[in-house]
C-alpha atoms as a PDB file:
ATOM      1  CA  MET A   1     152.965 124.608  96.462  1.00  0.00           C
ATOM      2  CA  ARG A   2     155.832 127.896  97.326  1.00  0.00           C
ATOM      3  CA  ASN A   3     153.281 129.163  99.465  1.00  0.00           C
ATOM      4  CA  LEU A   4     152.987 125.924 101.281  1.00  0.00           C
ATOM      5  CA  LEU A   5     156.103 125.238 101.889  1.00  0.00           C
ATOM      6  CA  VAL A   6     156.440 128.813 103.647  1.00  0.00           C
ATOM      7  CA  THR A   7     153.912 127.953 105.658  1.00  0.00           C
ATOM      8  CA  LEU A   8     154.988 125.165 106.978  1.00  0.00           C
ATOM      9  CA  LEU A   9     158.974 127.194 107.762  1.00  0.00           C
ATOM     10  CA  LEU A  10     156.385 129.725 109.410  1.00  0.00           C
ATOM     11  CA  LEU A  11     154.567 127.095 111.690  1.00  0.00           C
ATOM     12  CA  ALA A  12     158.245 125.386 112.881  1.00  0.00           C
ATOM     13  CA  PRO A  13     159.068 127.326 115.634  1.00  0.00           C
ATOM     14  CA  LEU A  14     155.430 126.308 117.457  1.00  0.00           C
ATOM     15  CA  THR A  15     156.052 123.420 119.906  1.00  0.00           C
ATOM     16  CA  GLY A  16     153.198 121.079 121.244  1.00  0.00           C
ATOM     17  CA  SER A  17     150.780 117.918 119.533  1.00  0.00           C
ATOM     18  CA  ALA A  18     149.052 121.118 117.938  1.00  0.00           C
ATOM     19  CA  ALA A  19     151.624 122.702 115.487  1.00  0.00           C
ATOM     20  CA  ASP A  20     152.567 118.790 114.850  1.00  0.00           C
ATOM     21  CA  SER A  21     148.886 118.592 113.400  1.00  0.00           C
ATOM     22  CA  VAL A  22     148.611 121.226 112.028  1.00  0.00           C
ATOM     23  CA  CYS A  23     151.918 120.765 109.851  1.00  0.00           C
ATOM     24  CA  GLU A  24     151.638 117.587 109.197  1.00  0.00           C
ATOM     25  CA  ASN A  25     148.455 117.914 107.658  1.00  0.00           C
ATOM     26  CA  LEU A  26     149.806 120.858 105.191  1.00  0.00           C
ATOM     27  CA  ALA A  27     152.780 118.608 104.833  1.00  0.00           C
ATOM     28  CA  GLY A  28     149.485 116.222 103.463  1.00  0.00           C
ATOM     29  CA  MET A  29     148.244 118.800 101.683  1.00  0.00           C
ATOM     30  CA  ALA A  30     150.341 119.562  99.449  1.00  0.00           C
ATOM     31  CA  LYS A  31     152.096 115.973  98.822  1.00  0.00           C
ATOM     32  CA  SER A  32     148.369 115.502  97.940  1.00  0.00           C
ATOM     33  CA  ALA A  33     148.065 118.674  95.558  1.00  0.00           C
ATOM     34  CA  ALA A  34     151.363 117.428  94.097  1.00  0.00           C
ATOM     35  CA  VAL A  35     150.372 113.953  93.228  1.00  0.00           C
ATOM     36  CA  ALA A  36     147.257 115.545  91.990  1.00  0.00           C
ATOM     37  CA  ARG A  37     148.904 117.660  89.638  1.00  0.00           C
ATOM     38  CA  ASP A  38     150.813 114.899  88.340  1.00  0.00           C
ATOM     39  CA  ASN A  39     149.199 112.316  87.815  1.00  0.00           C
ATOM     40  CA  GLY A  40     146.159 114.391  86.779  1.00  0.00           C
ATOM     41  CA  HIS A  41     143.563 113.291  89.396  1.00  0.00           C
ATOM     42  CA  SER A  42     142.537 116.518  89.671  1.00  0.00           C
ATOM     43  CA  LEU A  43     140.390 117.496  92.559  1.00  0.00           C
ATOM     44  CA  LYS A  44     139.506 114.043  94.788  1.00  0.00           C
ATOM     45  CA  ALA A  45     143.340 113.652  95.266  1.00  0.00           C
ATOM     46  CA  ALA A  46     144.199 117.318  96.595  1.00  0.00           C
ATOM     47  CA  LEU A  47     141.241 116.464  98.602  1.00  0.00           C
ATOM     48  CA  SER A  48     142.565 113.218  99.674  1.00  0.00           C
ATOM     49  CA  VAL A  49     143.640 114.385 103.150  1.00  0.00           C
ATOM     50  CA  VAL A  50     142.207 114.974 106.793  1.00  0.00           C
ATOM     51  CA  ASN A  51     140.316 117.821 107.126  1.00  0.00           C
ATOM     52  CA  ASN A  52     139.894 118.835 110.572  1.00  0.00           C
ATOM     53  CA  GLY A  53     138.316 121.562 110.309  1.00  0.00           C
ATOM     54  CA  ASP A  54     140.929 124.564 111.129  1.00  0.00           C
ATOM     55  CA  ASP A  55     140.289 127.561 109.391  1.00  0.00           C
ATOM     56  CA  ASP A  56     143.676 127.905 107.985  1.00  0.00           C
ATOM     57  CA  THR A  57     143.810 123.807 106.171  1.00  0.00           C
ATOM     58  CA  ASP A  58     140.025 124.872 104.764  1.00  0.00           C
ATOM     59  CA  LYS A  59     141.761 128.072 103.563  1.00  0.00           C
ATOM     60  CA  LEU A  60     144.974 125.640 101.591  1.00  0.00           C
ATOM     61  CA  VAL A  61     142.066 123.419 100.307  1.00  0.00           C
ATOM     62  CA  ARG A  62     140.134 125.899  98.806  1.00  0.00           C
ATOM     63  CA  ASN A  63     143.046 127.916  97.108  1.00  0.00           C
ATOM     64  CA  THR A  64     143.979 124.257  96.046  1.00  0.00           C
ATOM     65  CA  ILE A  65     140.797 123.770  94.109  1.00  0.00           C
ATOM     66  CA  ARG A  66     141.159 127.291  92.572  1.00  0.00           C
ATOM     67  CA  ARG A  67     144.039 126.174  91.651  1.00  0.00           C
ATOM     68  CA  VAL A  68     142.928 122.428  90.021  1.00  0.00           C
ATOM     69  CA  TYR A  69     140.129 124.123  88.472  1.00  0.00           C
ATOM     70  CA  SER A  70     142.810 127.409  87.509  1.00  0.00           C
ATOM     71  CA  SER A  71     141.277 126.868  83.422  1.00  0.00           C
ATOM     72  CA  ARG A  72     138.202 127.927  84.150  1.00  0.00           C
ATOM     73  CA  ALA A  73     137.378 131.215  86.445  1.00  0.00           C
ATOM     74  CA  LEU A  74     134.968 130.581  89.065  1.00  0.00           C
ATOM     75  CA  SER A  75     133.244 132.774  91.858  1.00  0.00           C
ATOM     76  CA  PRO A  76     133.333 132.294  95.192  1.00  0.00           C
ATOM     77  CA  GLU A  77     130.279 130.303  95.786  1.00  0.00           C
ATOM     78  CA  GLU A  78     131.640 127.829  93.041  1.00  0.00           C
ATOM     79  CA  ILE A  79     135.083 127.073  95.117  1.00  0.00           C
ATOM     80  CA  GLU A  80     132.826 126.536  98.160  1.00  0.00           C
ATOM     81  CA  GLU A  81     129.975 124.453  96.367  1.00  0.00           C
ATOM     82  CA  ILE A  82     132.796 122.205  95.241  1.00  0.00           C
ATOM     83  CA  TYR A  83     134.438 122.130  98.409  1.00  0.00           C
ATOM     84  CA  LEU A  84     131.650 121.204 100.237  1.00  0.00           C
ATOM     85  CA  SER A  85     130.613 118.522  97.862  1.00  0.00           C
ATOM     86  CA  LYS A  86     133.946 116.996  97.536  1.00  0.00           C
ATOM     87  CA  CYS A  87     134.349 116.795 101.625  1.00  0.00           C
ATOM     88  CA  MET A  88     131.231 115.364 101.765  1.00  0.00           C
ATOM     89  CA  GLU A  89     132.673 112.288 100.000  1.00  0.00           C
END
């Protein structure tokens, strides 16, 4: 969660609607991940954000998957499989 906030602060100097969109997506990701963790809803709630295909957002989603399933050792292939199956629901 701390890394997400640092990312938001780094993006703050950017201007324009694209920067606003990225910041909104990251803020939504942080909120959804916190709700998922706090309420125990795991992955589905964490992935309830709108993913616009942004590489940074995709990376954050995959990192969220890794944290949600941190009790298991996941291979990169398993993370990708979970990401694709949940994002396509």
